[in-house]
Amino acid sequence: MVNTDWYQKREGQAEHLVYLDNEGKELEKLINGEKSMIIRGAAGKKSPLGGRAKENDILYFVEKGGKMEITHRGVLTKVIEKYKMTPEESTEFIKGFGQELNLSEKQKTRWYGKRCIGIYEVSHLEKIEPFYYNREKNMDDWIITDNIEDIKVK
């Protein structure tokens, strides 16, 4: 469901380029309202985004394995980050957001049991004029920038 009341940028707000799982149909599920949250995890001692994702930040989405084309954006409306969990706690925590995350079996295998989990709620999803970005050597699947224009292919 694409919302046409687009959110206006505020001072101090970051813009994020977020990779979504093509195989898990994450973008399609967000568009269709079949999911409202995305997940990141880490086996280490800190959150995958280290508290750098904040409510009201702008998220731009690109699909892994796709054409590297950014076609949609949304607003980050909730950030839930948990640290130093046991594998059992992690799995139960993620299962608590089962409907909102709507993970594929492969995604469950990937995320269940991670010590640190970040769950991010997306709203105000809208289709935008497609653009590409300059990946260079950056292999991260979540890129934080002050302005998305900084990483657009000119």
C-alpha atoms as a PDB file:
ATOM      1  CA  MET A   1       0.000   0.000   0.000  1.00  0.00           C
ATOM      2  CA  VAL A   2       1.662   3.208  -1.140  1.00  0.00           C
ATOM      3  CA  ASN A   3       0.894   6.336   0.866  1.00  0.00           C
ATOM      4  CA  THR A   4       0.693   9.588  -1.076  1.00  0.00           C
ATOM      5  CA  ASP A   5       1.031  11.907   1.975  1.00  0.00           C
ATOM      6  CA  TRP A   6       4.765  12.092   1.642  1.00  0.00           C
ATOM      7  CA  TYR A   7       6.777  12.999   4.678  1.00  0.00           C
ATOM      8  CA  GLN A   8       8.842  16.213   4.665  1.00  0.00           C
ATOM      9  CA  LYS A   9      12.550  16.077   5.529  1.00  0.00           C
ATOM     10  CA  ARG A  10      13.619  17.578   8.864  1.00  0.00           C
ATOM     11  CA  GLU A  11      16.986  18.937   9.984  1.00  0.00           C
ATOM     12  CA  GLY A  12      19.415  16.378  11.333  1.00  0.00           C
ATOM     13  CA  GLN A  13      17.660  13.530   9.600  1.00  0.00           C
ATOM     14  CA  ALA A  14      19.694  10.787   7.963  1.00  0.00           C
ATOM     15  CA  GLU A  15      18.885   9.083   4.690  1.00  0.00           C
ATOM     16  CA  HIS A  16      19.522   5.375   4.412  1.00  0.00           C
ATOM     17  CA  LEU A  17      19.949   3.054   1.466  1.00  0.00           C
ATOM     18  CA  VAL A  18      18.601  -0.311   2.584  1.00  0.00           C
ATOM     19  CA  TYR A  19      19.096  -3.571   0.740  1.00  0.00           C
ATOM     20  CA  LEU A  20      16.079  -5.852   0.758  1.00  0.00           C
ATOM     21  CA  ASP A  21      16.137  -9.586   0.159  1.00  0.00           C
ATOM     22  CA  ASN A  22      15.041 -10.223  -3.435  1.00  0.00           C
ATOM     23  CA  GLU A  23      14.512 -13.961  -2.812  1.00  0.00           C
ATOM     24  CA  GLY A  24      12.428 -13.212   0.283  1.00  0.00           C
ATOM     25  CA  LYS A  25      10.326 -10.727  -1.759  1.00  0.00           C
ATOM     26  CA  GLU A  26      10.774  -8.092   0.947  1.00  0.00           C
ATOM     27  CA  LEU A  27      10.040  -5.039  -1.227  1.00  0.00           C
ATOM     28  CA  GLU A  28       6.991  -6.707  -2.740  1.00  0.00           C
ATOM     29  CA  LYS A  29       5.728  -7.623   0.760  1.00  0.00           C
ATOM     30  CA  LEU A  30       6.232  -4.032   1.984  1.00  0.00           C
ATOM     31  CA  ILE A  31       4.406  -2.634  -1.051  1.00  0.00           C
ATOM     32  CA  ASN A  32       1.514  -5.086  -0.642  1.00  0.00           C
ATOM     33  CA  GLY A  33       1.227  -4.479   3.107  1.00  0.00           C
ATOM     34  CA  GLU A  34       2.222  -8.099   3.852  1.00  0.00           C
ATOM     35  CA  LYS A  35       5.010  -6.853   6.124  1.00  0.00           C
ATOM     36  CA  SER A  36       5.747  -3.580   7.920  1.00  0.00           C
ATOM     37  CA  MET A  37       9.163  -4.238   9.469  1.00  0.00           C
ATOM     38  CA  ILE A  38      12.655  -5.143   8.310  1.00  0.00           C
ATOM     39  CA  ILE A  39      15.380  -6.861  10.317  1.00  0.00           C
ATOM     40  CA  ARG A  40      19.136  -6.747  10.718  1.00  0.00           C
ATOM     41  CA  GLY A  41      21.273  -8.863  13.006  1.00  0.00           C
ATOM     42  CA  ALA A  42      24.818  -9.359  14.199  1.00  0.00           C
ATOM     43  CA  ALA A  43      26.647 -12.106  16.023  1.00  0.00           C
ATOM     44  CA  GLY A  44      28.846  -9.593  17.905  1.00  0.00           C
ATOM     45  CA  LYS A  45      28.271  -7.379  20.919  1.00  0.00           C
ATOM     46  CA  LYS A  46      26.523  -4.411  19.318  1.00  0.00           C
ATOM     47  CA  SER A  47      23.533  -3.718  17.161  1.00  0.00           C
ATOM     48  CA  PRO A  48      24.123  -3.970  13.429  1.00  0.00           C
ATOM     49  CA  LEU A  49      23.369  -0.255  13.066  1.00  0.00           C
ATOM     50  CA  GLY A  50      24.733   0.763  16.453  1.00  0.00           C
ATOM     51  CA  GLY A  51      21.826   3.064  17.255  1.00  0.00           C
ATOM     52  CA  ARG A  52      22.435   5.161  14.122  1.00  0.00           C
ATOM     53  CA  ALA A  53      18.962   4.544  12.672  1.00  0.00           C
ATOM     54  CA  LYS A  54      16.462   6.951  14.200  1.00  0.00           C
ATOM     55  CA  GLU A  55      12.718   7.374  13.997  1.00  0.00           C
ATOM     56  CA  ASN A  56      11.681   9.665  11.120  1.00  0.00           C
ATOM     57  CA  ASP A  57      14.814   8.941   9.068  1.00  0.00           C
ATOM     58  CA  ILE A  58      14.177   8.340   5.353  1.00  0.00           C
ATOM     59  CA  LEU A  59      14.779   4.862   3.923  1.00  0.00           C
ATOM     60  CA  TYR A  60      15.441   4.206   0.237  1.00  0.00           C
ATOM     61  CA  PHE A  61      15.183   0.598  -0.907  1.00  0.00           C
ATOM     62  CA  VAL A  62      17.223  -1.454  -3.354  1.00  0.00           C
ATOM     63  CA  GLU A  63      16.852  -5.206  -3.926  1.00  0.00           C
ATOM     64  CA  LYS A  64      19.826  -7.538  -3.538  1.00  0.00           C
ATOM     65  CA  GLY A  65      20.465  -9.362  -6.756  1.00  0.00           C
ATOM     66  CA  GLY A  66      18.306  -6.929  -8.698  1.00  0.00           C
ATOM     67  CA  LYS A  67      19.233  -4.154 -11.124  1.00  0.00           C
ATOM     68  CA  MET A  68      20.534  -1.941  -8.274  1.00  0.00           C
ATOM     69  CA  GLU A  69      17.679   0.434  -9.021  1.00  0.00           C
ATOM     70  CA  ILE A  70      16.115   2.410  -6.163  1.00  0.00           C
ATOM     71  CA  THR A  71      12.358   2.559  -6.755  1.00  0.00           C
ATOM     72  CA  HIS A  72      10.723   3.207  -3.352  1.00  0.00           C
ATOM     73  CA  ARG A  73      11.273   5.132  -0.160  1.00  0.00           C
ATOM     74  CA  GLY A  74       9.652   5.154   3.251  1.00  0.00           C
ATOM     75  CA  VAL A  75       9.921   6.599   6.734  1.00  0.00           C
ATOM     76  CA  LEU A  76      11.475   4.753   9.659  1.00  0.00           C
ATOM     77  CA  THR A  77       8.746   4.926  12.303  1.00  0.00           C
ATOM     78  CA  LYS A  78      10.016   2.569  15.009  1.00  0.00           C
ATOM     79  CA  VAL A  79      13.457   1.265  16.012  1.00  0.00           C
ATOM     80  CA  ILE A  80      13.786  -1.727  18.351  1.00  0.00           C
ATOM     81  CA  GLU A  81      17.338  -2.901  19.042  1.00  0.00           C
ATOM     82  CA  LYS A  82      18.220  -5.732  21.450  1.00  0.00           C
ATOM     83  CA  TYR A  83      21.724  -6.718  22.498  1.00  0.00           C
ATOM     84  CA  LYS A  84      23.579  -9.656  24.044  1.00  0.00           C
ATOM     85  CA  MET A  85      20.752 -12.155  23.704  1.00  0.00           C
ATOM     86  CA  THR A  86      21.170 -15.906  23.893  1.00  0.00           C
ATOM     87  CA  PRO A  87      20.257 -17.777  20.698  1.00  0.00           C
ATOM     88  CA  GLU A  88      16.967 -18.796  22.361  1.00  0.00           C
ATOM     89  CA  GLU A  89      16.133 -15.225  23.421  1.00  0.00           C
ATOM     90  CA  SER A  90      16.960 -13.979  19.938  1.00  0.00           C
ATOM     91  CA  THR A  91      14.725 -16.516  18.245  1.00  0.00           C
ATOM     92  CA  GLU A  92      11.814 -15.775  20.592  1.00  0.00           C
ATOM     93  CA  PHE A  93      12.296 -12.011  20.176  1.00  0.00           C
ATOM     94  CA  ILE A  94      12.136 -12.311  16.377  1.00  0.00           C
ATOM     95  CA  LYS A  95       9.142 -14.675  16.508  1.00  0.00           C
ATOM     96  CA  GLY A  96       7.307 -11.963  18.494  1.00  0.00           C
ATOM     97  CA  PHE A  97       7.318  -9.862  15.303  1.00  0.00           C
ATOM     98  CA  GLY A  98       6.400 -12.755  13.009  1.00  0.00           C
ATOM     99  CA  GLN A  99       3.531 -11.078  11.172  1.00  0.00           C
ATOM    100  CA  GLU A 100       5.237  -7.678  10.856  1.00  0.00           C
ATOM    101  CA  LEU A 101       8.491  -9.206   9.544  1.00  0.00           C
ATOM    102  CA  ASN A 102       6.888 -11.959   7.415  1.00  0.00           C
ATOM    103  CA  LEU A 103      10.235 -13.743   6.981  1.00  0.00           C
ATOM    104  CA  SER A 104      10.901 -16.532   4.506  1.00  0.00           C
ATOM    105  CA  GLU A 105      12.291 -19.805   5.884  1.00  0.00           C
ATOM    106  CA  LYS A 106      15.725 -18.860   4.540  1.00  0.00           C
ATOM    107  CA  GLN A 107      15.549 -15.494   6.346  1.00  0.00           C
ATOM    108  CA  LYS A 108      14.552 -17.218   9.604  1.00  0.00           C
ATOM    109  CA  THR A 109      17.629 -19.432   9.307  1.00  0.00           C
ATOM    110  CA  ARG A 110      19.762 -16.346   8.729  1.00  0.00           C
ATOM    111  CA  TRP A 111      18.458 -14.219  11.633  1.00  0.00           C
ATOM    112  CA  TYR A 112      17.327 -16.622  14.386  1.00  0.00           C
ATOM    113  CA  GLY A 113      19.966 -16.948  17.092  1.00  0.00           C
ATOM    114  CA  LYS A 114      21.919 -13.733  16.369  1.00  0.00           C
ATOM    115  CA  ARG A 115      23.086 -12.053  19.598  1.00  0.00           C
ATOM    116  CA  CYS A 116      22.065  -8.561  18.478  1.00  0.00           C
ATOM    117  CA  ILE A 117      18.906  -7.803  16.516  1.00  0.00           C
ATOM    118  CA  GLY A 118      17.507  -4.590  15.105  1.00  0.00           C
ATOM    119  CA  ILE A 119      13.893  -4.426  13.952  1.00  0.00           C
ATOM    120  CA  TYR A 120      12.801  -1.378  11.971  1.00  0.00           C
ATOM    121  CA  GLU A 121       9.229  -0.354  11.172  1.00  0.00           C
ATOM    122  CA  VAL A 122       8.587   1.304   7.814  1.00  0.00           C
ATOM    123  CA  SER A 123       5.623   3.504   6.909  1.00  0.00           C
ATOM    124  CA  HIS A 124       4.708   6.125   4.285  1.00  0.00           C
ATOM    125  CA  LEU A 125       6.057   3.815   1.576  1.00  0.00           C
ATOM    126  CA  GLU A 126       5.917   5.431  -1.839  1.00  0.00           C
ATOM    127  CA  LYS A 127       7.101   4.770  -5.357  1.00  0.00           C
ATOM    128  CA  ILE A 128       9.687   7.305  -6.530  1.00  0.00           C
ATOM    129  CA  GLU A 129      11.394   8.240  -9.781  1.00  0.00           C
ATOM    130  CA  PRO A 130      13.871   5.350 -10.098  1.00  0.00           C
ATOM    131  CA  PHE A 131      17.585   6.038  -9.794  1.00  0.00           C
ATOM    132  CA  TYR A 132      20.821   4.112  -9.422  1.00  0.00           C
ATOM    133  CA  TYR A 133      23.583   4.588  -6.904  1.00  0.00           C
ATOM    134  CA  ASN A 134      27.333   4.281  -6.993  1.00  0.00           C
ATOM    135  CA  ARG A 135      28.198   1.125  -5.028  1.00  0.00           C
ATOM    136  CA  GLU A 136      31.963   1.344  -5.526  1.00  0.00           C
ATOM    137  CA  LYS A 137      33.575  -1.017  -2.991  1.00  0.00           C
ATOM    138  CA  ASN A 138      30.927  -0.676  -0.281  1.00  0.00           C
ATOM    139  CA  MET A 139      29.589  -4.136   0.556  1.00  0.00           C
ATOM    140  CA  ASP A 140      27.292  -3.049   3.407  1.00  0.00           C
ATOM    141  CA  ASP A 141      23.613  -3.858   3.092  1.00  0.00           C
ATOM    142  CA  TRP A 142      22.533  -0.685   4.927  1.00  0.00           C
ATOM    143  CA  ILE A 143      24.246   2.582   3.988  1.00  0.00           C
ATOM    144  CA  ILE A 144      23.710   5.717   6.071  1.00  0.00           C
ATOM    145  CA  THR A 145      24.218   9.119   4.469  1.00  0.00           C
ATOM    146  CA  ASP A 146      23.288  12.734   5.183  1.00  0.00           C
ATOM    147  CA  ASN A 147      21.816  13.073   1.713  1.00  0.00           C
ATOM    148  CA  ILE A 148      20.928  10.313  -0.766  1.00  0.00           C
ATOM    149  CA  GLU A 149      22.097  12.640  -3.554  1.00  0.00           C
ATOM    150  CA  ASP A 150      25.662  12.008  -2.355  1.00  0.00           C
ATOM    151  CA  ILE A 151      25.579   8.395  -3.581  1.00  0.00           C
ATOM    152  CA  LYS A 152      23.389   8.744  -6.691  1.00  0.00           C
ATOM    153  CA  VAL A 153      24.914   7.925 -10.061  1.00  0.00           C
ATOM    154  CA  LYS A 154      25.089  11.280 -11.825  1.00  0.00           C
END
